[in-house]
């Protein structure tokens, strides 16, 4: 077997973790630290696969990838990547999905519980010297309530499983998952986003940011949600029309929100959401733990090796490329190498 050759683009370390996968199979790894686009274009011409801790590939990079078969991106999201250009040039795209499934689903459940128990307001009151049991009602009883999940990939399914442990009824919508599969995983299928919004006491989002999901939750959805409902967003801030969310909260159309992501990040200090006692906020760190981030970098190298060896990756994000390139072997679990 010819030696496989990979390119690792980084601005924040991770070299040893990626090298571990390549060294185990005798592969050669070229490392570029903080390169410009021109350096990346030159480097991708002579490797089998490129892996990146941050740099988003442009159309010009994809067009230069003659030998290079794929690009492995760091994390879950792939907004900013030209999917059409990748397919046109026969480039396989993958991310490192699943590395932080527990972390992100835990963050979603944390925000749900914080909202359900009105923690932001009462934490503020106690710390300011006010000991009161005013402002409690209305407060839902979780086993009698419904969580609505939009997007039932790894994270959405994990959230649903954890929500069921709290006794919540789970209603889910995902246009890419059949209603039969939704039932198989124990969720009640909905036929549209709006159907989920109408039923949910807690609406939680677990989708990528695409043209289809941009502002998928906005004025229309807030108007049909229950006035006692909460929005939980640990996906991408731009999946929610933030101006519409602020209006909905000010007008009492929904009860509150739990947010790990915002339309603009870092969000401005004068963002009204930061001043609301019925909104819990975190700084887009839902996927983090030391274990998860180490695993994410290791997975980057493993997916790169799969592509270089002529296999499909575990987490293909542009399935349309399957029609433009020759057949490949199925992905193999790392322990089988």
C-alpha atoms as a PDB file:
ATOM      1  CA  UNK A   1       0.000   0.000   0.000  1.00  0.00           C
ATOM      2  CA  UNK A   2       1.331   3.417  -0.950  1.00  0.00           C
ATOM      3  CA  UNK A   3       2.014   5.700   1.978  1.00  0.00           C
ATOM      4  CA  UNK A   4      -0.930   7.972   2.729  1.00  0.00           C
ATOM      5  CA  UNK A   5      -0.226  11.655   3.102  1.00  0.00           C
ATOM      6  CA  UNK A   6      -2.263  14.135   5.099  1.00  0.00           C
ATOM      7  CA  UNK A   7      -2.294  17.892   5.693  1.00  0.00           C
ATOM      8  CA  UNK A   8      -3.141  19.269   9.127  1.00  0.00           C
ATOM      9  CA  UNK A   9      -3.986  22.982   9.336  1.00  0.00           C
ATOM     10  CA  UNK A  10      -4.006  24.428  12.838  1.00  0.00           C
ATOM     11  CA  UNK A  11      -3.766  27.627  14.799  1.00  0.00           C
ATOM     12  CA  UNK A  12      -4.326  26.083  18.221  1.00  0.00           C
ATOM     13  CA  UNK A  13      -2.234  22.949  18.661  1.00  0.00           C
ATOM     14  CA  UNK A  14      -3.648  19.446  18.517  1.00  0.00           C
ATOM     15  CA  UNK A  15      -0.711  18.152  16.482  1.00  0.00           C
ATOM     16  CA  UNK A  16       0.118  15.189  18.718  1.00  0.00           C
ATOM     17  CA  UNK A  17      -3.477  13.907  18.748  1.00  0.00           C
ATOM     18  CA  UNK A  18      -3.808  14.021  14.948  1.00  0.00           C
ATOM     19  CA  UNK A  19      -0.345  12.495  14.449  1.00  0.00           C
ATOM     20  CA  UNK A  20      -1.309   9.560  16.661  1.00  0.00           C
ATOM     21  CA  UNK A  21      -3.825   8.302  14.086  1.00  0.00           C
ATOM     22  CA  UNK A  22      -1.458   8.813  11.160  1.00  0.00           C
ATOM     23  CA  UNK A  23       1.610   7.359  12.864  1.00  0.00           C
ATOM     24  CA  UNK A  24      -0.289   4.193  13.773  1.00  0.00           C
ATOM     25  CA  UNK A  25      -0.652   3.379  10.058  1.00  0.00           C
ATOM     26  CA  UNK A  26       2.690   4.728   8.867  1.00  0.00           C
ATOM     27  CA  UNK A  27       1.180   7.767   7.208  1.00  0.00           C
ATOM     28  CA  UNK A  28       2.975  11.055   6.561  1.00  0.00           C
ATOM     29  CA  UNK A  29       1.524  14.198   8.114  1.00  0.00           C
ATOM     30  CA  UNK A  30       2.341  17.734   6.951  1.00  0.00           C
ATOM     31  CA  UNK A  31       1.511  20.459   9.472  1.00  0.00           C
ATOM     32  CA  UNK A  32       0.735  24.086   8.580  1.00  0.00           C
ATOM     33  CA  UNK A  33       0.356  26.473  11.491  1.00  0.00           C
ATOM     34  CA  UNK A  34      -1.692  29.622  10.796  1.00  0.00           C
ATOM     35  CA  UNK A  35      -1.271  29.514   6.991  1.00  0.00           C
ATOM     36  CA  UNK A  36      -2.843  31.943   4.528  1.00  0.00           C
ATOM     37  CA  UNK A  37      -5.089  30.736   1.707  1.00  0.00           C
ATOM     38  CA  UNK A  38      -2.236  30.663  -0.803  1.00  0.00           C
ATOM     39  CA  UNK A  39      -0.187  28.329   1.380  1.00  0.00           C
ATOM     40  CA  UNK A  40      -3.185  26.016   1.820  1.00  0.00           C
ATOM     41  CA  UNK A  41      -3.810  25.950  -1.948  1.00  0.00           C
ATOM     42  CA  UNK A  42      -0.221  24.877  -2.598  1.00  0.00           C
ATOM     43  CA  UNK A  43      -0.208  22.289   0.188  1.00  0.00           C
ATOM     44  CA  UNK A  44      -3.446  20.509  -0.794  1.00  0.00           C
ATOM     45  CA  UNK A  45      -2.067  19.693  -4.238  1.00  0.00           C
ATOM     46  CA  UNK A  46       0.201  16.956  -2.853  1.00  0.00           C
ATOM     47  CA  UNK A  47      -1.788  15.227  -0.107  1.00  0.00           C
ATOM     48  CA  UNK A  48      -4.607  12.666   0.098  1.00  0.00           C
ATOM     49  CA  UNK A  49      -6.724  14.538   2.633  1.00  0.00           C
ATOM     50  CA  UNK A  50      -6.753  17.840   4.525  1.00  0.00           C
ATOM     51  CA  UNK A  51      -7.757  18.301   8.168  1.00  0.00           C
ATOM     52  CA  UNK A  52      -8.389  21.675   9.736  1.00  0.00           C
ATOM     53  CA  UNK A  53      -8.700  23.139  13.208  1.00  0.00           C
ATOM     54  CA  UNK A  54     -10.637  26.214  12.160  1.00  0.00           C
ATOM     55  CA  UNK A  55      -9.835  27.230   8.566  1.00  0.00           C
ATOM     56  CA  UNK A  56     -12.933  27.038   6.321  1.00  0.00           C
ATOM     57  CA  UNK A  57     -12.123  25.874   2.781  1.00  0.00           C
ATOM     58  CA  UNK A  58     -12.969  28.205  -0.099  1.00  0.00           C
ATOM     59  CA  UNK A  59     -13.930  27.328  -3.671  1.00  0.00           C
ATOM     60  CA  UNK A  60     -10.348  28.128  -4.733  1.00  0.00           C
ATOM     61  CA  UNK A  61      -9.016  25.556  -2.254  1.00  0.00           C
ATOM     62  CA  UNK A  62     -11.456  22.893  -3.462  1.00  0.00           C
ATOM     63  CA  UNK A  63     -10.489  23.577  -7.083  1.00  0.00           C
ATOM     64  CA  UNK A  64      -6.815  23.013  -6.216  1.00  0.00           C
ATOM     65  CA  UNK A  65      -7.488  19.609  -4.627  1.00  0.00           C
ATOM     66  CA  UNK A  66      -6.541  17.298  -7.507  1.00  0.00           C
ATOM     67  CA  UNK A  67      -4.965  14.488  -5.482  1.00  0.00           C
ATOM     68  CA  UNK A  68      -6.683  15.473  -2.256  1.00  0.00           C
ATOM     69  CA  UNK A  69      -9.897  13.521  -1.745  1.00  0.00           C
ATOM     70  CA  UNK A  70     -11.455  15.169   1.277  1.00  0.00           C
ATOM     71  CA  UNK A  71     -11.560  17.864   3.939  1.00  0.00           C
ATOM     72  CA  UNK A  72     -12.144  17.129   7.624  1.00  0.00           C
ATOM     73  CA  UNK A  73     -13.439  20.072   9.659  1.00  0.00           C
ATOM     74  CA  UNK A  74     -13.236  20.529  13.413  1.00  0.00           C
ATOM     75  CA  UNK A  75     -16.491  20.384  15.397  1.00  0.00           C
ATOM     76  CA  UNK A  76     -20.137  19.978  14.429  1.00  0.00           C
ATOM     77  CA  UNK A  77     -21.005  23.030  12.351  1.00  0.00           C
ATOM     78  CA  UNK A  78     -20.000  23.593   8.755  1.00  0.00           C
ATOM     79  CA  UNK A  79     -21.537  27.000   8.079  1.00  0.00           C
ATOM     80  CA  UNK A  80     -19.146  28.987   5.910  1.00  0.00           C
ATOM     81  CA  UNK A  81     -18.147  25.933   3.824  1.00  0.00           C
ATOM     82  CA  UNK A  82     -19.098  26.035   0.130  1.00  0.00           C
ATOM     83  CA  UNK A  83     -20.907  22.697  -0.104  1.00  0.00           C
ATOM     84  CA  UNK A  84     -21.717  23.134  -3.801  1.00  0.00           C
ATOM     85  CA  UNK A  85     -18.063  23.741  -4.669  1.00  0.00           C
ATOM     86  CA  UNK A  86     -17.051  20.623  -2.753  1.00  0.00           C
ATOM     87  CA  UNK A  87     -19.537  18.454  -4.646  1.00  0.00           C
ATOM     88  CA  UNK A  88     -18.581  19.980  -8.013  1.00  0.00           C
ATOM     89  CA  UNK A  89     -14.935  19.109  -7.358  1.00  0.00           C
ATOM     90  CA  UNK A  90     -15.622  15.657  -5.923  1.00  0.00           C
ATOM     91  CA  UNK A  91     -14.399  16.531  -2.438  1.00  0.00           C
ATOM     92  CA  UNK A  92     -15.662  14.565   0.568  1.00  0.00           C
ATOM     93  CA  UNK A  93     -16.531  16.749   3.557  1.00  0.00           C
ATOM     94  CA  UNK A  94     -16.785  15.477   7.101  1.00  0.00           C
ATOM     95  CA  UNK A  95     -16.834  16.936  10.585  1.00  0.00           C
ATOM     96  CA  UNK A  96     -16.139  15.434  13.999  1.00  0.00           C
ATOM     97  CA  UNK A  97     -19.758  14.924  15.010  1.00  0.00           C
ATOM     98  CA  UNK A  98     -20.460  12.927  18.187  1.00  0.00           C
ATOM     99  CA  UNK A  99     -17.380  14.093  20.102  1.00  0.00           C
ATOM    100  CA  UNK A 100     -19.473  16.365  22.361  1.00  0.00           C
ATOM    101  CA  UNK A 101     -22.900  14.740  22.245  1.00  0.00           C
ATOM    102  CA  UNK A 102     -23.066  14.341  26.010  1.00  0.00           C
ATOM    103  CA  UNK A 103     -21.739  17.826  26.696  1.00  0.00           C
ATOM    104  CA  UNK A 104     -24.142  19.626  24.353  1.00  0.00           C
ATOM    105  CA  UNK A 105     -27.175  17.584  25.387  1.00  0.00           C
ATOM    106  CA  UNK A 106     -26.306  18.216  29.040  1.00  0.00           C
ATOM    107  CA  UNK A 107     -26.082  21.951  28.333  1.00  0.00           C
ATOM    108  CA  UNK A 108     -29.516  21.860  26.708  1.00  0.00           C
ATOM    109  CA  UNK A 109     -30.974  20.093  29.724  1.00  0.00           C
ATOM    110  CA  UNK A 110     -29.217  22.527  32.068  1.00  0.00           C
ATOM    111  CA  UNK A 111     -30.837  25.496  30.315  1.00  0.00           C
ATOM    112  CA  UNK A 112     -34.191  23.700  30.318  1.00  0.00           C
ATOM    113  CA  UNK A 113     -34.025  23.125  34.076  1.00  0.00           C
ATOM    114  CA  UNK A 114     -32.776  26.647  34.765  1.00  0.00           C
ATOM    115  CA  UNK A 115     -35.732  28.018  32.791  1.00  0.00           C
ATOM    116  CA  UNK A 116     -38.248  25.594  34.298  1.00  0.00           C
ATOM    117  CA  UNK A 117     -37.247  26.530  37.844  1.00  0.00           C
ATOM    118  CA  UNK A 118     -36.872  30.285  37.108  1.00  0.00           C
ATOM    119  CA  UNK A 119     -33.334  30.072  38.413  1.00  0.00           C
ATOM    120  CA  UNK A 120     -31.964  33.275  36.833  1.00  0.00           C
ATOM    121  CA  UNK A 121     -34.483  35.501  38.622  1.00  0.00           C
ATOM    122  CA  UNK A 122     -34.331  33.791  42.015  1.00  0.00           C
ATOM    123  CA  UNK A 123     -30.552  33.497  42.018  1.00  0.00           C
ATOM    124  CA  UNK A 124     -30.416  37.250  41.383  1.00  0.00           C
ATOM    125  CA  UNK A 125     -32.936  37.962  44.168  1.00  0.00           C
ATOM    126  CA  UNK A 126     -31.181  35.874  46.816  1.00  0.00           C
ATOM    127  CA  UNK A 127     -27.768  37.323  45.951  1.00  0.00           C
ATOM    128  CA  UNK A 128     -29.206  40.848  46.260  1.00  0.00           C
ATOM    129  CA  UNK A 129     -30.508  40.095  49.758  1.00  0.00           C
ATOM    130  CA  UNK A 130     -34.126  39.416  48.846  1.00  0.00           C
ATOM    131  CA  UNK A 131     -35.511  36.179  50.326  1.00  0.00           C
ATOM    132  CA  UNK A 132     -38.944  35.642  48.842  1.00  0.00           C
ATOM    133  CA  UNK A 133     -41.261  33.055  47.402  1.00  0.00           C
ATOM    134  CA  UNK A 134     -42.994  35.565  45.214  1.00  0.00           C
ATOM    135  CA  UNK A 135     -42.677  35.236  41.442  1.00  0.00           C
ATOM    136  CA  UNK A 136     -42.922  31.446  41.538  1.00  0.00           C
ATOM    137  CA  UNK A 137     -46.086  30.883  39.485  1.00  0.00           C
ATOM    138  CA  UNK A 138     -46.535  29.783  36.817  1.00  0.00           C
ATOM    139  CA  UNK A 139     -44.045  26.947  37.159  1.00  0.00           C
ATOM    140  CA  UNK A 140     -44.495  23.736  35.210  1.00  0.00           C
ATOM    141  CA  UNK A 141     -44.331  20.175  36.494  1.00  0.00           C
ATOM    142  CA  UNK A 142     -41.965  18.394  34.096  1.00  0.00           C
ATOM    143  CA  UNK A 143     -43.696  14.985  34.026  1.00  0.00           C
ATOM    144  CA  UNK A 144     -46.813  16.731  32.728  1.00  0.00           C
ATOM    145  CA  UNK A 145     -45.014  18.765  30.088  1.00  0.00           C
ATOM    146  CA  UNK A 146     -43.731  18.396  26.536  1.00  0.00           C
ATOM    147  CA  UNK A 147     -40.288  18.971  25.084  1.00  0.00           C
ATOM    148  CA  UNK A 148     -40.261  19.719  21.371  1.00  0.00           C
ATOM    149  CA  UNK A 149     -37.060  18.769  19.565  1.00  0.00           C
ATOM    150  CA  UNK A 150     -36.152  20.077  16.116  1.00  0.00           C
ATOM    151  CA  UNK A 151     -33.349  17.942  14.675  1.00  0.00           C
ATOM    152  CA  UNK A 152     -32.915  14.340  15.799  1.00  0.00           C
ATOM    153  CA  UNK A 153     -29.288  13.632  15.068  1.00  0.00           C
ATOM    154  CA  UNK A 154     -26.932  12.417  17.795  1.00  0.00           C
ATOM    155  CA  UNK A 155     -27.493  15.423  20.058  1.00  0.00           C
ATOM    156  CA  UNK A 156     -31.240  15.721  19.547  1.00  0.00           C
ATOM    157  CA  UNK A 157     -31.668  12.038  20.357  1.00  0.00           C
ATOM    158  CA  UNK A 158     -29.508  12.362  23.473  1.00  0.00           C
ATOM    159  CA  UNK A 159     -31.585  15.314  24.658  1.00  0.00           C
ATOM    160  CA  UNK A 160     -34.767  13.323  24.099  1.00  0.00           C
ATOM    161  CA  UNK A 161     -33.470  10.343  26.080  1.00  0.00           C
ATOM    162  CA  UNK A 162     -32.456  12.583  28.980  1.00  0.00           C
ATOM    163  CA  UNK A 163     -35.744  14.498  28.859  1.00  0.00           C
ATOM    164  CA  UNK A 164     -37.682  11.240  29.108  1.00  0.00           C
ATOM    165  CA  UNK A 165     -35.779  10.455  32.303  1.00  0.00           C
ATOM    166  CA  UNK A 166     -37.380  13.603  33.753  1.00  0.00           C
ATOM    167  CA  UNK A 167     -40.794  12.367  32.646  1.00  0.00           C
ATOM    168  CA  UNK A 168     -41.194  14.769  29.747  1.00  0.00           C
ATOM    169  CA  UNK A 169     -43.209  13.810  26.698  1.00  0.00           C
ATOM    170  CA  UNK A 170     -40.976  14.093  23.615  1.00  0.00           C
ATOM    171  CA  UNK A 171     -42.281  15.411  20.286  1.00  0.00           C
ATOM    172  CA  UNK A 172     -39.729  15.683  17.480  1.00  0.00           C
ATOM    173  CA  UNK A 173     -39.386  16.971  13.912  1.00  0.00           C
ATOM    174  CA  UNK A 174     -36.616  16.236  11.460  1.00  0.00           C
ATOM    175  CA  UNK A 175     -37.355  16.362   7.708  1.00  0.00           C
ATOM    176  CA  UNK A 176     -34.499  13.926   7.040  1.00  0.00           C
ATOM    177  CA  UNK A 177     -35.693  11.234   9.462  1.00  0.00           C
ATOM    178  CA  UNK A 178     -38.752   9.111   8.736  1.00  0.00           C
ATOM    179  CA  UNK A 179     -41.657   9.150  11.160  1.00  0.00           C
ATOM    180  CA  UNK A 180     -41.098   5.402  11.617  1.00  0.00           C
ATOM    181  CA  UNK A 181     -37.505   5.971  12.763  1.00  0.00           C
ATOM    182  CA  UNK A 182     -38.690   8.744  15.077  1.00  0.00           C
ATOM    183  CA  UNK A 183     -41.117   6.320  16.690  1.00  0.00           C
ATOM    184  CA  UNK A 184     -38.391   3.665  16.905  1.00  0.00           C
ATOM    185  CA  UNK A 185     -36.267   5.927  19.100  1.00  0.00           C
ATOM    186  CA  UNK A 186     -39.266   6.564  21.343  1.00  0.00           C
ATOM    187  CA  UNK A 187     -40.307  10.051  20.232  1.00  0.00           C
ATOM    188  CA  UNK A 188     -43.657  11.221  18.892  1.00  0.00           C
ATOM    189  CA  UNK A 189     -43.163  12.440  15.301  1.00  0.00           C
ATOM    190  CA  UNK A 190     -44.433  15.850  14.197  1.00  0.00           C
ATOM    191  CA  UNK A 191     -45.024  16.796  10.569  1.00  0.00           C
ATOM    192  CA  UNK A 192     -43.634  20.350  10.721  1.00  0.00           C
ATOM    193  CA  UNK A 193     -41.715  22.858  12.796  1.00  0.00           C
ATOM    194  CA  UNK A 194     -44.940  24.691  13.574  1.00  0.00           C
ATOM    195  CA  UNK A 195     -46.568  21.525  14.885  1.00  0.00           C
ATOM    196  CA  UNK A 196     -43.705  21.131  17.347  1.00  0.00           C
ATOM    197  CA  UNK A 197     -43.938  24.798  18.347  1.00  0.00           C
ATOM    198  CA  UNK A 198     -47.648  24.531  19.099  1.00  0.00           C
ATOM    199  CA  UNK A 199     -47.165  21.596  21.473  1.00  0.00           C
ATOM    200  CA  UNK A 200     -43.863  22.357  23.194  1.00  0.00           C
ATOM    201  CA  UNK A 201     -43.457  23.638  26.709  1.00  0.00           C
ATOM    202  CA  UNK A 202     -39.723  23.617  25.973  1.00  0.00           C
ATOM    203  CA  UNK A 203     -38.615  23.991  22.358  1.00  0.00           C
ATOM    204  CA  UNK A 204     -35.015  22.917  21.777  1.00  0.00           C
ATOM    205  CA  UNK A 205     -33.019  23.223  18.543  1.00  0.00           C
ATOM    206  CA  UNK A 206     -30.399  20.733  17.319  1.00  0.00           C
ATOM    207  CA  UNK A 207     -29.756  21.562  13.670  1.00  0.00           C
ATOM    208  CA  UNK A 208     -26.881  22.769  11.533  1.00  0.00           C
ATOM    209  CA  UNK A 209     -26.914  26.323  10.196  1.00  0.00           C
ATOM    210  CA  UNK A 210     -27.861  26.195   6.517  1.00  0.00           C
ATOM    211  CA  UNK A 211     -29.981  28.292   4.183  1.00  0.00           C
ATOM    212  CA  UNK A 212     -32.869  26.056   5.202  1.00  0.00           C
ATOM    213  CA  UNK A 213     -32.414  26.551   8.953  1.00  0.00           C
ATOM    214  CA  UNK A 214     -31.476  30.272   8.957  1.00  0.00           C
ATOM    215  CA  UNK A 215     -34.123  32.074  11.075  1.00  0.00           C
ATOM    216  CA  UNK A 216     -36.292  28.948  11.095  1.00  0.00           C
ATOM    217  CA  UNK A 217     -37.666  30.175  14.426  1.00  0.00           C
ATOM    218  CA  UNK A 218     -39.098  33.670  14.131  1.00  0.00           C
ATOM    219  CA  UNK A 219     -42.220  35.786  14.574  1.00  0.00           C
ATOM    220  CA  UNK A 220     -44.584  33.164  13.163  1.00  0.00           C
ATOM    221  CA  UNK A 221     -43.326  30.435  15.476  1.00  0.00           C
ATOM    222  CA  UNK A 222     -43.314  32.618  18.597  1.00  0.00           C
ATOM    223  CA  UNK A 223     -46.914  33.645  17.969  1.00  0.00           C
ATOM    224  CA  UNK A 224     -48.108  30.039  17.928  1.00  0.00           C
ATOM    225  CA  UNK A 225     -46.062  28.916  20.939  1.00  0.00           C
ATOM    226  CA  UNK A 226     -47.630  28.751  24.389  1.00  0.00           C
ATOM    227  CA  UNK A 227     -47.147  31.906  26.502  1.00  0.00           C
ATOM    228  CA  UNK A 228     -45.682  29.574  29.164  1.00  0.00           C
ATOM    229  CA  UNK A 229     -43.171  27.987  26.746  1.00  0.00           C
ATOM    230  CA  UNK A 230     -39.397  28.368  26.695  1.00  0.00           C
ATOM    231  CA  UNK A 231     -36.951  28.331  23.771  1.00  0.00           C
ATOM    232  CA  UNK A 232     -33.658  26.461  24.287  1.00  0.00           C
ATOM    233  CA  UNK A 233     -30.919  26.991  21.677  1.00  0.00           C
ATOM    234  CA  UNK A 234     -27.555  25.250  21.870  1.00  0.00           C
ATOM    235  CA  UNK A 235     -27.198  24.886  18.083  1.00  0.00           C
ATOM    236  CA  UNK A 236     -26.448  28.047  16.086  1.00  0.00           C
ATOM    237  CA  UNK A 237     -27.606  31.528  16.996  1.00  0.00           C
ATOM    238  CA  UNK A 238     -28.705  32.368  13.458  1.00  0.00           C
ATOM    239  CA  UNK A 239     -31.242  29.534  13.485  1.00  0.00           C
ATOM    240  CA  UNK A 240     -33.325  31.973  15.558  1.00  0.00           C
ATOM    241  CA  UNK A 241     -34.417  35.444  14.463  1.00  0.00           C
ATOM    242  CA  UNK A 242     -32.992  37.199  17.510  1.00  0.00           C
ATOM    243  CA  UNK A 243     -34.944  40.424  16.976  1.00  0.00           C
ATOM    244  CA  UNK A 244     -38.141  38.369  16.835  1.00  0.00           C
ATOM    245  CA  UNK A 245     -37.128  36.536  20.017  1.00  0.00           C
ATOM    246  CA  UNK A 246     -36.615  39.818  21.857  1.00  0.00           C
ATOM    247  CA  UNK A 247     -40.023  41.058  20.683  1.00  0.00           C
ATOM    248  CA  UNK A 248     -41.670  37.798  21.735  1.00  0.00           C
ATOM    249  CA  UNK A 249     -40.139  38.008  25.209  1.00  0.00           C
ATOM    250  CA  UNK A 250     -41.050  41.669  25.633  1.00  0.00           C
ATOM    251  CA  UNK A 251     -44.630  41.004  24.481  1.00  0.00           C
ATOM    252  CA  UNK A 252     -45.078  37.917  26.657  1.00  0.00           C
ATOM    253  CA  UNK A 253     -45.571  35.602  23.693  1.00  0.00           C
ATOM    254  CA  UNK A 254     -43.234  33.084  25.364  1.00  0.00           C
ATOM    255  CA  UNK A 255     -42.081  32.739  28.972  1.00  0.00           C
ATOM    256  CA  UNK A 256     -38.315  32.818  28.477  1.00  0.00           C
ATOM    257  CA  UNK A 257     -35.260  31.319  26.816  1.00  0.00           C
ATOM    258  CA  UNK A 258     -32.031  29.441  27.469  1.00  0.00           C
ATOM    259  CA  UNK A 259     -29.282  30.371  25.027  1.00  0.00           C
ATOM    260  CA  UNK A 260     -25.752  29.135  24.415  1.00  0.00           C
ATOM    261  CA  UNK A 261     -25.522  30.822  21.000  1.00  0.00           C
ATOM    262  CA  UNK A 262     -26.382  34.217  19.530  1.00  0.00           C
ATOM    263  CA  UNK A 263     -26.744  35.749  16.082  1.00  0.00           C
ATOM    264  CA  UNK A 264     -23.593  37.800  16.652  1.00  0.00           C
ATOM    265  CA  UNK A 265     -20.767  36.342  18.720  1.00  0.00           C
ATOM    266  CA  UNK A 266     -19.505  37.657  21.018  1.00  0.00           C
ATOM    267  CA  UNK A 267     -22.937  39.149  21.547  1.00  0.00           C
ATOM    268  CA  UNK A 268     -22.877  42.928  22.259  1.00  0.00           C
ATOM    269  CA  UNK A 269     -22.942  43.934  25.909  1.00  0.00           C
ATOM    270  CA  UNK A 270     -26.106  45.948  25.272  1.00  0.00           C
ATOM    271  CA  UNK A 271     -28.042  42.971  23.891  1.00  0.00           C
ATOM    272  CA  UNK A 272     -31.440  43.134  25.663  1.00  0.00           C
ATOM    273  CA  UNK A 273     -31.366  39.366  26.166  1.00  0.00           C
ATOM    274  CA  UNK A 274     -28.525  39.785  28.658  1.00  0.00           C
ATOM    275  CA  UNK A 275     -30.700  41.981  30.891  1.00  0.00           C
ATOM    276  CA  UNK A 276     -33.742  39.693  31.074  1.00  0.00           C
ATOM    277  CA  UNK A 277     -34.457  37.756  34.259  1.00  0.00           C
ATOM    278  CA  UNK A 278     -36.243  35.036  32.278  1.00  0.00           C
ATOM    279  CA  UNK A 279     -33.295  34.292  29.954  1.00  0.00           C
ATOM    280  CA  UNK A 280     -30.327  32.094  30.867  1.00  0.00           C
ATOM    281  CA  UNK A 281     -27.170  32.605  28.806  1.00  0.00           C
ATOM    282  CA  UNK A 282     -23.811  30.911  28.261  1.00  0.00           C
ATOM    283  CA  UNK A 283     -20.968  31.792  25.903  1.00  0.00           C
ATOM    284  CA  UNK A 284     -21.188  29.063  23.215  1.00  0.00           C
ATOM    285  CA  UNK A 285     -19.251  26.515  25.235  1.00  0.00           C
ATOM    286  CA  UNK A 286     -21.835  23.716  25.227  1.00  0.00           C
ATOM    287  CA  UNK A 287     -19.533  21.214  23.526  1.00  0.00           C
ATOM    288  CA  UNK A 288     -16.615  21.696  25.902  1.00  0.00           C
ATOM    289  CA  UNK A 289     -15.032  19.309  28.330  1.00  0.00           C
ATOM    290  CA  UNK A 290     -11.384  18.297  28.374  1.00  0.00           C
ATOM    291  CA  UNK A 291     -12.350  14.757  27.377  1.00  0.00           C
ATOM    292  CA  UNK A 292     -14.576  15.927  24.511  1.00  0.00           C
ATOM    293  CA  UNK A 293     -12.041  18.341  23.045  1.00  0.00           C
ATOM    294  CA  UNK A 294      -9.248  15.781  23.121  1.00  0.00           C
ATOM    295  CA  UNK A 295     -11.574  13.305  21.452  1.00  0.00           C
ATOM    296  CA  UNK A 296     -12.550  15.889  18.841  1.00  0.00           C
ATOM    297  CA  UNK A 297      -8.959  16.367  17.713  1.00  0.00           C
ATOM    298  CA  UNK A 298      -8.222  12.626  17.718  1.00  0.00           C
ATOM    299  CA  UNK A 299     -11.358  12.042  15.653  1.00  0.00           C
ATOM    300  CA  UNK A 300     -10.118  14.612  13.150  1.00  0.00           C
ATOM    301  CA  UNK A 301      -7.082  12.422  12.442  1.00  0.00           C
ATOM    302  CA  UNK A 302      -9.105   9.216  12.345  1.00  0.00           C
ATOM    303  CA  UNK A 303     -11.586  10.580   9.801  1.00  0.00           C
ATOM    304  CA  UNK A 304      -8.686  11.828   7.696  1.00  0.00           C
ATOM    305  CA  UNK A 305      -7.146   8.351   7.630  1.00  0.00           C
ATOM    306  CA  UNK A 306     -10.446   6.787   6.570  1.00  0.00           C
ATOM    307  CA  UNK A 307     -10.733   9.129   3.593  1.00  0.00           C
ATOM    308  CA  UNK A 308      -7.071   8.661   2.617  1.00  0.00           C
ATOM    309  CA  UNK A 309      -7.533   4.864   2.669  1.00  0.00           C
ATOM    310  CA  UNK A 310     -10.495   4.986   0.295  1.00  0.00           C
ATOM    311  CA  UNK A 311     -13.264   4.670   2.862  1.00  0.00           C
ATOM    312  CA  UNK A 312     -16.236   6.897   3.527  1.00  0.00           C
ATOM    313  CA  UNK A 313     -15.927   8.886   6.754  1.00  0.00           C
ATOM    314  CA  UNK A 314     -18.128   8.178   9.741  1.00  0.00           C
ATOM    315  CA  UNK A 315     -19.727  11.627   9.470  1.00  0.00           C
ATOM    316  CA  UNK A 316     -20.288  12.593   5.832  1.00  0.00           C
ATOM    317  CA  UNK A 317     -21.808  16.084   5.570  1.00  0.00           C
ATOM    318  CA  UNK A 318     -22.165  16.391   1.782  1.00  0.00           C
ATOM    319  CA  UNK A 319     -23.851  13.133   0.721  1.00  0.00           C
ATOM    320  CA  UNK A 320     -24.475  14.575  -2.758  1.00  0.00           C
ATOM    321  CA  UNK A 321     -20.787  13.906  -3.499  1.00  0.00           C
ATOM    322  CA  UNK A 322     -21.563  10.187  -3.599  1.00  0.00           C
ATOM    323  CA  UNK A 323     -22.965  10.695  -7.101  1.00  0.00           C
ATOM    324  CA  UNK A 324     -19.852  12.469  -8.397  1.00  0.00           C
ATOM    325  CA  UNK A 325     -16.971  10.208  -7.280  1.00  0.00           C
ATOM    326  CA  UNK A 326     -16.173   6.475  -7.558  1.00  0.00           C
ATOM    327  CA  UNK A 327     -17.569   4.037  -4.985  1.00  0.00           C
ATOM    328  CA  UNK A 328     -15.673   3.768  -1.700  1.00  0.00           C
ATOM    329  CA  UNK A 329     -15.500   1.232   1.105  1.00  0.00           C
ATOM    330  CA  UNK A 330     -17.743   1.744   4.160  1.00  0.00           C
ATOM    331  CA  UNK A 331     -16.203   3.456   7.170  1.00  0.00           C
ATOM    332  CA  UNK A 332     -14.575   1.114   9.671  1.00  0.00           C
ATOM    333  CA  UNK A 333     -14.552   1.595  13.423  1.00  0.00           C
ATOM    334  CA  UNK A 334     -11.115   2.740  14.532  1.00  0.00           C
ATOM    335  CA  UNK A 335     -10.485  -0.342  16.646  1.00  0.00           C
ATOM    336  CA  UNK A 336     -10.520  -2.540  13.526  1.00  0.00           C
ATOM    337  CA  UNK A 337      -7.475  -0.865  11.955  1.00  0.00           C
END
